[in-house]
Amino acid sequence: MRTSRQVVDYSLQKRAVLRDLHAGRVGTYDVCDASPYLKNAARFHGEPTDERCPICRSENLTHVHYIYGDELRQSAGQARSLAELPVLAMTLREFQVFVVEVCLGCDWNHLVEQFLLGRDGLAEGGPEQGAADAATTATQGRRREAQR
């Protein structure tokens, strides 16, 4: 997505949970504990994936996108479809998105990633762009000095 920033990927944590499960340190009931609300959100707002469930290996995983932010007010904490996120990103300054993978067969669920969306990421000359411009200018200055 064009305006996504500050992306946090939880794949290492997922691998650790699966490693603990396969080693017998954690039981299946400890990791397959999706709430009825999460399962309903996956059914009605989720995005199907081609990835198989790492536990039951019989169902494909579904990604659910939860949104949080000050501007959302009563909408904070709601699951939204992937198609709704760009529209919200163009209308709101900033909000956080949490992506959860869910297996509707065995109730496996895990946080996949989180990131920020919103108009603040589009502003030219913002703090991120300013830092990038300063780094580019400093690099160019060092190159000029090295050429002398």
N, C-alpha and C. Protein backbone atom coordinates (compact mmCIF):
# COMPACT_ATOMS: atom_id res chain seq x y z
N MET A 1 0.84 -1.16 0.00
CA MET A 1 0.00 0.00 0.00
C MET A 1 0.89 1.23 0.00
N ARG A 2 0.54 2.24 -0.71
CA ARG A 2 1.41 3.37 -0.97
C ARG A 2 1.78 4.16 0.27
N THR A 3 0.87 4.33 1.20
CA THR A 3 1.15 5.18 2.35
C THR A 3 1.54 4.41 3.60
N SER A 4 1.70 3.10 3.50
CA SER A 4 2.03 2.33 4.71
C SER A 4 3.45 2.66 5.16
N ARG A 5 3.61 2.73 6.46
CA ARG A 5 4.92 3.04 7.04
C ARG A 5 4.99 2.42 8.43
N GLN A 6 6.17 2.40 8.97
CA GLN A 6 6.44 1.82 10.28
C GLN A 6 5.87 0.40 10.38
N VAL A 7 6.24 -0.42 9.42
CA VAL A 7 5.74 -1.79 9.34
C VAL A 7 6.49 -2.67 10.34
N VAL A 8 5.75 -3.44 11.12
CA VAL A 8 6.32 -4.41 12.05
C VAL A 8 5.84 -5.78 11.60
N ASP A 9 6.80 -6.67 11.33
CA ASP A 9 6.50 -8.03 10.87
C ASP A 9 6.69 -8.99 12.04
N TYR A 10 5.71 -9.85 12.28
CA TYR A 10 5.75 -10.77 13.41
C TYR A 10 6.05 -12.21 12.98
N SER A 11 6.70 -12.40 11.84
CA SER A 11 6.96 -13.76 11.35
C SER A 11 7.94 -14.52 12.25
N LEU A 12 8.91 -13.85 12.85
CA LEU A 12 9.84 -14.54 13.75
C LEU A 12 9.12 -15.03 15.00
N GLN A 13 8.21 -14.22 15.50
CA GLN A 13 7.43 -14.64 16.67
C GLN A 13 6.54 -15.83 16.32
N LYS A 14 5.97 -15.82 15.12
CA LYS A 14 5.14 -16.94 14.68
C LYS A 14 5.97 -18.22 14.60
N ARG A 15 7.17 -18.12 14.05
CA ARG A 15 8.04 -19.30 13.96
C ARG A 15 8.38 -19.84 15.34
N ALA A 16 8.60 -18.94 16.30
CA ALA A 16 8.91 -19.38 17.66
C ALA A 16 7.73 -20.11 18.30
N VAL A 17 6.52 -19.60 18.08
CA VAL A 17 5.32 -20.26 18.61
C VAL A 17 5.17 -21.65 17.99
N LEU A 18 5.35 -21.73 16.67
CA LEU A 18 5.22 -23.03 16.00
C LEU A 18 6.31 -24.00 16.44
N ARG A 19 7.52 -23.49 16.67
CA ARG A 19 8.61 -24.34 17.16
C ARG A 19 8.27 -24.89 18.54
N ASP A 20 7.73 -24.02 19.42
CA ASP A 20 7.34 -24.48 20.75
C ASP A 20 6.22 -25.50 20.68
N LEU A 21 5.30 -25.33 19.75
CA LEU A 21 4.20 -26.27 19.58
C LEU A 21 4.71 -27.64 19.14
N HIS A 22 5.59 -27.64 18.14
CA HIS A 22 6.11 -28.90 17.62
C HIS A 22 7.05 -29.60 18.61
N ALA A 23 7.67 -28.83 19.50
CA ALA A 23 8.55 -29.41 20.52
C ALA A 23 7.76 -29.91 21.73
N GLY A 24 6.47 -29.59 21.78
CA GLY A 24 5.64 -30.05 22.89
C GLY A 24 5.64 -29.14 24.10
N ARG A 25 6.28 -27.96 24.00
CA ARG A 25 6.29 -27.03 25.12
C ARG A 25 4.97 -26.27 25.26
N VAL A 26 4.19 -26.25 24.16
CA VAL A 26 2.89 -25.57 24.15
C VAL A 26 1.90 -26.53 23.51
N GLY A 27 0.67 -26.53 24.03
CA GLY A 27 -0.35 -27.41 23.48
C GLY A 27 -1.13 -26.75 22.36
N THR A 28 -1.80 -27.58 21.57
CA THR A 28 -2.61 -27.07 20.46
C THR A 28 -3.72 -26.15 20.94
N TYR A 29 -4.30 -26.47 22.10
CA TYR A 29 -5.37 -25.63 22.63
C TYR A 29 -4.88 -24.25 23.04
N ASP A 30 -3.58 -24.12 23.30
CA ASP A 30 -3.02 -22.82 23.67
C ASP A 30 -2.87 -21.90 22.47
N VAL A 31 -2.67 -22.46 21.28
CA VAL A 31 -2.46 -21.63 20.10
C VAL A 31 -3.68 -21.58 19.18
N CYS A 32 -4.57 -22.51 19.32
CA CYS A 32 -5.80 -22.53 18.51
C CYS A 32 -6.96 -22.06 19.37
N ASP A 33 -6.98 -20.75 19.62
CA ASP A 33 -7.93 -20.19 20.58
C ASP A 33 -8.64 -18.95 20.04
N ALA A 34 -8.95 -18.93 18.77
CA ALA A 34 -9.62 -17.76 18.17
C ALA A 34 -10.98 -17.55 18.82
N SER A 35 -11.27 -16.32 19.16
CA SER A 35 -12.56 -16.00 19.77
C SER A 35 -13.66 -16.03 18.71
N PRO A 36 -14.89 -16.17 19.12
CA PRO A 36 -16.00 -16.13 18.15
C PRO A 36 -16.05 -14.81 17.37
N TYR A 37 -15.67 -13.70 18.02
CA TYR A 37 -15.66 -12.40 17.34
C TYR A 37 -14.62 -12.36 16.23
N LEU A 38 -13.45 -12.91 16.51
CA LEU A 38 -12.39 -12.96 15.49
C LEU A 38 -12.80 -13.85 14.33
N LYS A 39 -13.42 -14.98 14.62
CA LYS A 39 -13.85 -15.88 13.56
C LYS A 39 -14.95 -15.24 12.70
N ASN A 40 -15.87 -14.51 13.32
CA ASN A 40 -16.89 -13.80 12.54
C ASN A 40 -16.28 -12.69 11.70
N ALA A 41 -15.31 -11.99 12.24
CA ALA A 41 -14.63 -10.94 11.47
C ALA A 41 -13.92 -11.56 10.28
N ALA A 42 -13.33 -12.74 10.47
CA ALA A 42 -12.65 -13.42 9.36
C ALA A 42 -13.65 -13.84 8.29
N ARG A 43 -14.82 -14.32 8.71
CA ARG A 43 -15.84 -14.74 7.74
C ARG A 43 -16.38 -13.58 6.91
N PHE A 44 -16.65 -12.46 7.58
CA PHE A 44 -17.36 -11.37 6.91
C PHE A 44 -16.47 -10.25 6.40
N HIS A 45 -15.29 -10.05 6.98
CA HIS A 45 -14.42 -8.95 6.58
C HIS A 45 -13.04 -9.42 6.15
N GLY A 46 -12.74 -10.69 6.29
CA GLY A 46 -11.41 -11.20 6.03
C GLY A 46 -11.09 -11.34 4.56
N GLU A 47 -9.80 -11.41 4.30
CA GLU A 47 -9.28 -11.60 2.95
C GLU A 47 -8.67 -13.00 2.87
N PRO A 48 -9.24 -13.89 2.05
CA PRO A 48 -8.67 -15.25 1.94
C PRO A 48 -7.26 -15.20 1.36
N THR A 49 -6.42 -16.11 1.81
CA THR A 49 -5.05 -16.21 1.30
C THR A 49 -4.85 -17.61 0.69
N ASP A 50 -3.72 -17.79 0.04
CA ASP A 50 -3.37 -19.09 -0.52
C ASP A 50 -2.52 -19.91 0.45
N GLU A 51 -2.24 -19.34 1.61
CA GLU A 51 -1.37 -19.99 2.59
C GLU A 51 -2.18 -20.97 3.44
N ARG A 52 -1.68 -22.18 3.57
CA ARG A 52 -2.34 -23.21 4.38
C ARG A 52 -2.09 -22.96 5.87
N CYS A 53 -3.01 -23.40 6.68
CA CYS A 53 -2.87 -23.29 8.13
C CYS A 53 -1.68 -24.14 8.58
N PRO A 54 -0.79 -23.59 9.40
CA PRO A 54 0.37 -24.36 9.85
C PRO A 54 0.02 -25.45 10.86
N ILE A 55 -1.20 -25.44 11.40
CA ILE A 55 -1.58 -26.42 12.40
C ILE A 55 -2.36 -27.57 11.78
N CYS A 56 -3.51 -27.28 11.17
CA CYS A 56 -4.35 -28.36 10.64
C CYS A 56 -4.01 -28.70 9.18
N ARG A 57 -3.41 -27.78 8.47
CA ARG A 57 -3.01 -27.96 7.07
C ARG A 57 -4.16 -28.35 6.14
N SER A 58 -5.40 -28.13 6.58
CA SER A 58 -6.55 -28.48 5.73
C SER A 58 -7.29 -27.25 5.21
N GLU A 59 -7.12 -26.11 5.87
CA GLU A 59 -7.82 -24.88 5.49
C GLU A 59 -6.79 -23.82 5.10
N ASN A 60 -7.22 -22.89 4.25
CA ASN A 60 -6.39 -21.73 3.96
C ASN A 60 -6.63 -20.67 5.03
N LEU A 61 -5.59 -19.88 5.29
CA LEU A 61 -5.69 -18.81 6.28
C LEU A 61 -6.45 -17.62 5.72
N THR A 62 -7.05 -16.87 6.60
CA THR A 62 -7.76 -15.64 6.25
C THR A 62 -7.12 -14.50 7.02
N HIS A 63 -6.86 -13.37 6.37
CA HIS A 63 -6.29 -12.20 7.04
C HIS A 63 -7.40 -11.22 7.40
N VAL A 64 -7.39 -10.78 8.64
CA VAL A 64 -8.35 -9.80 9.14
C VAL A 64 -7.56 -8.53 9.47
N HIS A 65 -8.06 -7.38 9.00
CA HIS A 65 -7.40 -6.09 9.21
C HIS A 65 -8.20 -5.28 10.23
N TYR A 66 -7.61 -5.06 11.40
CA TYR A 66 -8.25 -4.24 12.44
C TYR A 66 -7.63 -2.86 12.41
N ILE A 67 -8.44 -1.82 12.58
CA ILE A 67 -7.95 -0.45 12.53
C ILE A 67 -8.13 0.24 13.88
N TYR A 68 -7.15 1.06 14.24
CA TYR A 68 -7.17 1.82 15.49
C TYR A 68 -6.60 3.21 15.22
N GLY A 69 -7.19 4.21 15.84
CA GLY A 69 -6.67 5.56 15.70
C GLY A 69 -7.59 6.56 16.37
N ASP A 70 -7.03 7.71 16.74
CA ASP A 70 -7.80 8.74 17.43
C ASP A 70 -8.94 9.29 16.58
N GLU A 71 -8.71 9.46 15.29
CA GLU A 71 -9.73 10.02 14.41
C GLU A 71 -10.89 9.07 14.14
N LEU A 72 -10.70 7.80 14.42
CA LEU A 72 -11.72 6.80 14.11
C LEU A 72 -12.88 6.82 15.11
N ARG A 73 -12.62 7.27 16.32
CA ARG A 73 -13.61 7.32 17.39
C ARG A 73 -14.34 5.99 17.58
N GLN A 74 -15.64 5.91 17.25
CA GLN A 74 -16.40 4.68 17.48
C GLN A 74 -15.98 3.56 16.53
N SER A 75 -15.33 3.88 15.43
CA SER A 75 -14.91 2.86 14.47
C SER A 75 -13.61 2.18 14.87
N ALA A 76 -12.94 2.70 15.88
CA ALA A 76 -11.67 2.10 16.32
C ALA A 76 -11.91 0.68 16.81
N GLY A 77 -11.05 -0.22 16.39
CA GLY A 77 -11.15 -1.61 16.79
C GLY A 77 -12.00 -2.46 15.87
N GLN A 78 -12.50 -1.86 14.80
CA GLN A 78 -13.32 -2.61 13.85
C GLN A 78 -12.46 -3.31 12.81
N ALA A 79 -12.98 -4.42 12.32
CA ALA A 79 -12.33 -5.12 11.21
C ALA A 79 -12.80 -4.49 9.92
N ARG A 80 -11.88 -4.27 9.00
CA ARG A 80 -12.21 -3.67 7.71
C ARG A 80 -11.63 -4.54 6.60
N SER A 81 -12.27 -4.49 5.45
CA SER A 81 -11.75 -5.24 4.31
C SER A 81 -10.54 -4.51 3.75
N LEU A 82 -9.73 -5.22 3.01
CA LEU A 82 -8.53 -4.65 2.42
C LEU A 82 -8.87 -3.52 1.45
N ALA A 83 -10.01 -3.62 0.77
CA ALA A 83 -10.42 -2.60 -0.20
C ALA A 83 -10.78 -1.28 0.48
N GLU A 84 -11.18 -1.31 1.74
CA GLU A 84 -11.56 -0.09 2.45
C GLU A 84 -10.36 0.70 2.96
N LEU A 85 -9.23 0.06 3.12
CA LEU A 85 -8.07 0.71 3.72
C LEU A 85 -7.54 1.89 2.91
N PRO A 86 -7.39 1.80 1.57
CA PRO A 86 -6.90 2.97 0.83
C PRO A 86 -7.84 4.17 0.92
N VAL A 87 -9.12 3.93 0.96
CA VAL A 87 -10.09 5.02 1.08
C VAL A 87 -9.93 5.71 2.44
N LEU A 88 -9.81 4.91 3.48
CA LEU A 88 -9.58 5.48 4.81
C LEU A 88 -8.25 6.20 4.88
N ALA A 89 -7.23 5.66 4.23
CA ALA A 89 -5.90 6.27 4.25
C ALA A 89 -5.89 7.65 3.61
N MET A 90 -6.77 7.87 2.64
CA MET A 90 -6.83 9.17 1.98
C MET A 90 -7.70 10.17 2.75
N THR A 91 -8.54 9.68 3.66
CA THR A 91 -9.43 10.59 4.38
C THR A 91 -8.97 10.88 5.81
N LEU A 92 -8.19 10.01 6.40
CA LEU A 92 -7.74 10.19 7.77
C LEU A 92 -6.27 10.54 7.82
N ARG A 93 -5.87 11.30 8.85
CA ARG A 93 -4.47 11.68 8.99
C ARG A 93 -3.58 10.48 9.25
N GLU A 94 -3.95 9.68 10.26
CA GLU A 94 -3.12 8.54 10.61
C GLU A 94 -3.93 7.53 11.42
N PHE A 95 -3.76 6.27 11.11
CA PHE A 95 -4.36 5.20 11.90
C PHE A 95 -3.49 3.96 11.77
N GLN A 96 -3.64 3.09 12.74
CA GLN A 96 -2.84 1.88 12.80
C GLN A 96 -3.66 0.69 12.33
N VAL A 97 -3.02 -0.21 11.59
CA VAL A 97 -3.66 -1.42 11.08
C VAL A 97 -2.93 -2.63 11.66
N PHE A 98 -3.71 -3.55 12.22
CA PHE A 98 -3.17 -4.81 12.72
C PHE A 98 -3.74 -5.92 11.84
N VAL A 99 -2.88 -6.76 11.30
CA VAL A 99 -3.30 -7.86 10.43
C VAL A 99 -3.16 -9.17 11.22
N VAL A 100 -4.27 -9.89 11.35
CA VAL A 100 -4.30 -11.15 12.09
C VAL A 100 -4.66 -12.26 11.12
N GLU A 101 -3.90 -13.35 11.15
CA GLU A 101 -4.26 -14.51 10.33
C GLU A 101 -5.08 -15.47 11.17
N VAL A 102 -6.12 -16.02 10.54
CA VAL A 102 -7.07 -16.88 11.25
C VAL A 102 -7.34 -18.11 10.40
N CYS A 103 -7.41 -19.27 11.05
CA CYS A 103 -7.87 -20.50 10.40
C CYS A 103 -9.27 -20.78 10.93
N LEU A 104 -10.23 -20.82 10.04
CA LEU A 104 -11.60 -21.07 10.44
C LEU A 104 -11.84 -22.54 10.77
N GLY A 105 -10.90 -23.41 10.43
CA GLY A 105 -11.04 -24.82 10.72
C GLY A 105 -10.64 -25.19 12.13
N CYS A 106 -9.41 -24.79 12.53
CA CYS A 106 -8.89 -25.21 13.84
C CYS A 106 -8.76 -24.06 14.83
N ASP A 107 -9.12 -22.85 14.46
CA ASP A 107 -9.09 -21.66 15.32
C ASP A 107 -7.69 -21.10 15.57
N TRP A 108 -6.69 -21.51 14.77
CA TRP A 108 -5.36 -20.89 14.85
C TRP A 108 -5.50 -19.42 14.53
N ASN A 109 -4.79 -18.57 15.28
CA ASN A 109 -4.75 -17.14 14.97
C ASN A 109 -3.43 -16.58 15.47
N HIS A 110 -2.92 -15.64 14.69
CA HIS A 110 -1.65 -15.02 15.06
C HIS A 110 -1.55 -13.65 14.42
N LEU A 111 -0.97 -12.70 15.13
CA LEU A 111 -0.73 -11.37 14.60
C LEU A 111 0.37 -11.47 13.54
N VAL A 112 0.08 -11.02 12.32
CA VAL A 112 1.03 -11.12 11.21
C VAL A 112 1.89 -9.88 11.11
N GLU A 113 1.24 -8.71 11.10
CA GLU A 113 1.98 -7.46 11.01
C GLU A 113 1.13 -6.30 11.49
N GLN A 114 1.78 -5.18 11.71
CA GLN A 114 1.09 -3.94 12.01
C GLN A 114 1.79 -2.83 11.25
N PHE A 115 1.02 -1.81 10.87
CA PHE A 115 1.60 -0.68 10.15
C PHE A 115 0.69 0.53 10.28
N LEU A 116 1.23 1.68 9.90
CA LEU A 116 0.48 2.93 9.92
C LEU A 116 0.04 3.29 8.52
N LEU A 117 -1.15 3.86 8.42
CA LEU A 117 -1.66 4.40 7.16
C LEU A 117 -2.20 5.78 7.42
N GLY A 118 -2.37 6.54 6.37
CA GLY A 118 -2.99 7.86 6.48
C GLY A 118 -2.32 8.90 5.62
N ARG A 119 -2.95 10.06 5.59
CA ARG A 119 -2.47 11.18 4.76
C ARG A 119 -1.12 11.70 5.23
N ASP A 120 -0.80 11.57 6.50
CA ASP A 120 0.49 12.08 7.00
C ASP A 120 1.67 11.47 6.25
N GLY A 121 1.52 10.28 5.74
CA GLY A 121 2.60 9.63 4.99
C GLY A 121 2.78 10.20 3.61
N LEU A 122 1.80 10.97 3.12
CA LEU A 122 1.89 11.54 1.78
C LEU A 122 2.53 12.92 1.76
N ALA A 123 2.59 13.58 2.91
CA ALA A 123 3.06 14.96 2.97
C ALA A 123 4.52 15.04 2.58
N GLU A 124 4.81 15.87 1.57
CA GLU A 124 6.20 16.08 1.18
C GLU A 124 6.85 17.00 2.19
N GLY A 125 8.11 16.71 2.47
CA GLY A 125 8.82 17.54 3.44
C GLY A 125 8.48 17.15 4.87
N GLY A 126 7.82 16.04 5.06
CA GLY A 126 7.51 15.56 6.41
C GLY A 126 8.77 15.12 7.10
N PRO A 127 8.67 14.66 8.33
CA PRO A 127 9.88 14.30 9.08
C PRO A 127 10.69 13.19 8.43
N GLU A 128 10.00 12.18 7.87
CA GLU A 128 10.74 11.10 7.23
C GLU A 128 11.43 11.58 5.96
N GLN A 129 10.73 12.38 5.18
CA GLN A 129 11.30 12.90 3.94
C GLN A 129 12.44 13.86 4.26
N GLY A 130 12.26 14.68 5.29
CA GLY A 130 13.31 15.62 5.67
C GLY A 130 14.59 14.92 6.08
N ALA A 131 14.47 13.83 6.83
CA ALA A 131 15.64 13.06 7.24
C ALA A 131 16.32 12.42 6.04
N ALA A 132 15.52 11.92 5.10
CA ALA A 132 16.09 11.31 3.89
C ALA A 132 16.81 12.36 3.05
N ASP A 133 16.21 13.55 2.92
CA ASP A 133 16.85 14.63 2.17
C ASP A 133 18.16 15.06 2.83
N ALA A 134 18.18 15.15 4.15
CA ALA A 134 19.40 15.55 4.86
C ALA A 134 20.50 14.51 4.67
N ALA A 135 20.14 13.23 4.70
CA ALA A 135 21.14 12.18 4.50
C ALA A 135 21.70 12.23 3.09
N THR A 136 20.84 12.48 2.10
CA THR A 136 21.29 12.57 0.71
C THR A 136 22.23 13.76 0.54
N THR A 137 21.88 14.91 1.12
CA THR A 137 22.71 16.11 1.02
C THR A 137 24.08 15.87 1.67
N ALA A 138 24.09 15.22 2.84
CA ALA A 138 25.36 14.96 3.53
C ALA A 138 26.24 14.02 2.70
N THR A 139 25.64 13.00 2.10
CA THR A 139 26.40 12.06 1.27
C THR A 139 26.99 12.78 0.06
N GLN A 140 26.21 13.63 -0.58
CA GLN A 140 26.70 14.38 -1.74
C GLN A 140 27.83 15.31 -1.34
N GLY A 141 27.73 15.93 -0.16
CA GLY A 141 28.79 16.81 0.31
C GLY A 141 30.10 16.07 0.54
N ARG A 142 30.02 14.85 1.12
CA ARG A 142 31.22 14.05 1.35
C ARG A 142 31.85 13.62 0.03
N ARG A 143 31.02 13.32 -0.97
CA ARG A 143 31.55 12.93 -2.27
C ARG A 143 32.31 14.09 -2.90
N ARG A 144 31.76 15.29 -2.80
CA ARG A 144 32.42 16.47 -3.38
C ARG A 144 33.77 16.69 -2.69
N GLU A 145 33.82 16.55 -1.34
CA GLU A 145 35.07 16.75 -0.62
C GLU A 145 36.09 15.68 -1.02
N ALA A 146 35.64 14.44 -1.24
CA ALA A 146 36.55 13.37 -1.63
C ALA A 146 37.13 13.61 -3.03
N GLN A 147 36.35 14.27 -3.90
CA GLN A 147 36.81 14.53 -5.26
C GLN A 147 37.86 15.64 -5.30
N ARG A 148 37.87 16.52 -4.31
CA ARG A 148 38.81 17.66 -4.30
C ARG A 148 40.17 17.26 -4.01
